[in-house]
Amino acid sequence: MSGDMIVRESASLAKTAVKESAHVVKKAWSIMDAASEKTHPGDYLSPKAIQSIQGKQS
């Protein structure tokens, strides 16, 4: 392999790695964003219902 070819291949691999890293970050951000927007059970369930689900109701 010539030096020029090695440089081009290295640049191509680095560019691909950066694109894939950006894709992974966007995917993770999307998942975290969706989870943060999800309503909490306390917003639509009564405290008694939550305790019943958790098995804490006496």
Foldseek 3Di string as FASTA:
>chain_A
DDPVVVVVVVVVVVVVVVVVVVVVVVVVVVVVVVVVPDDDPVVPDPPQVVCVVVVNDD
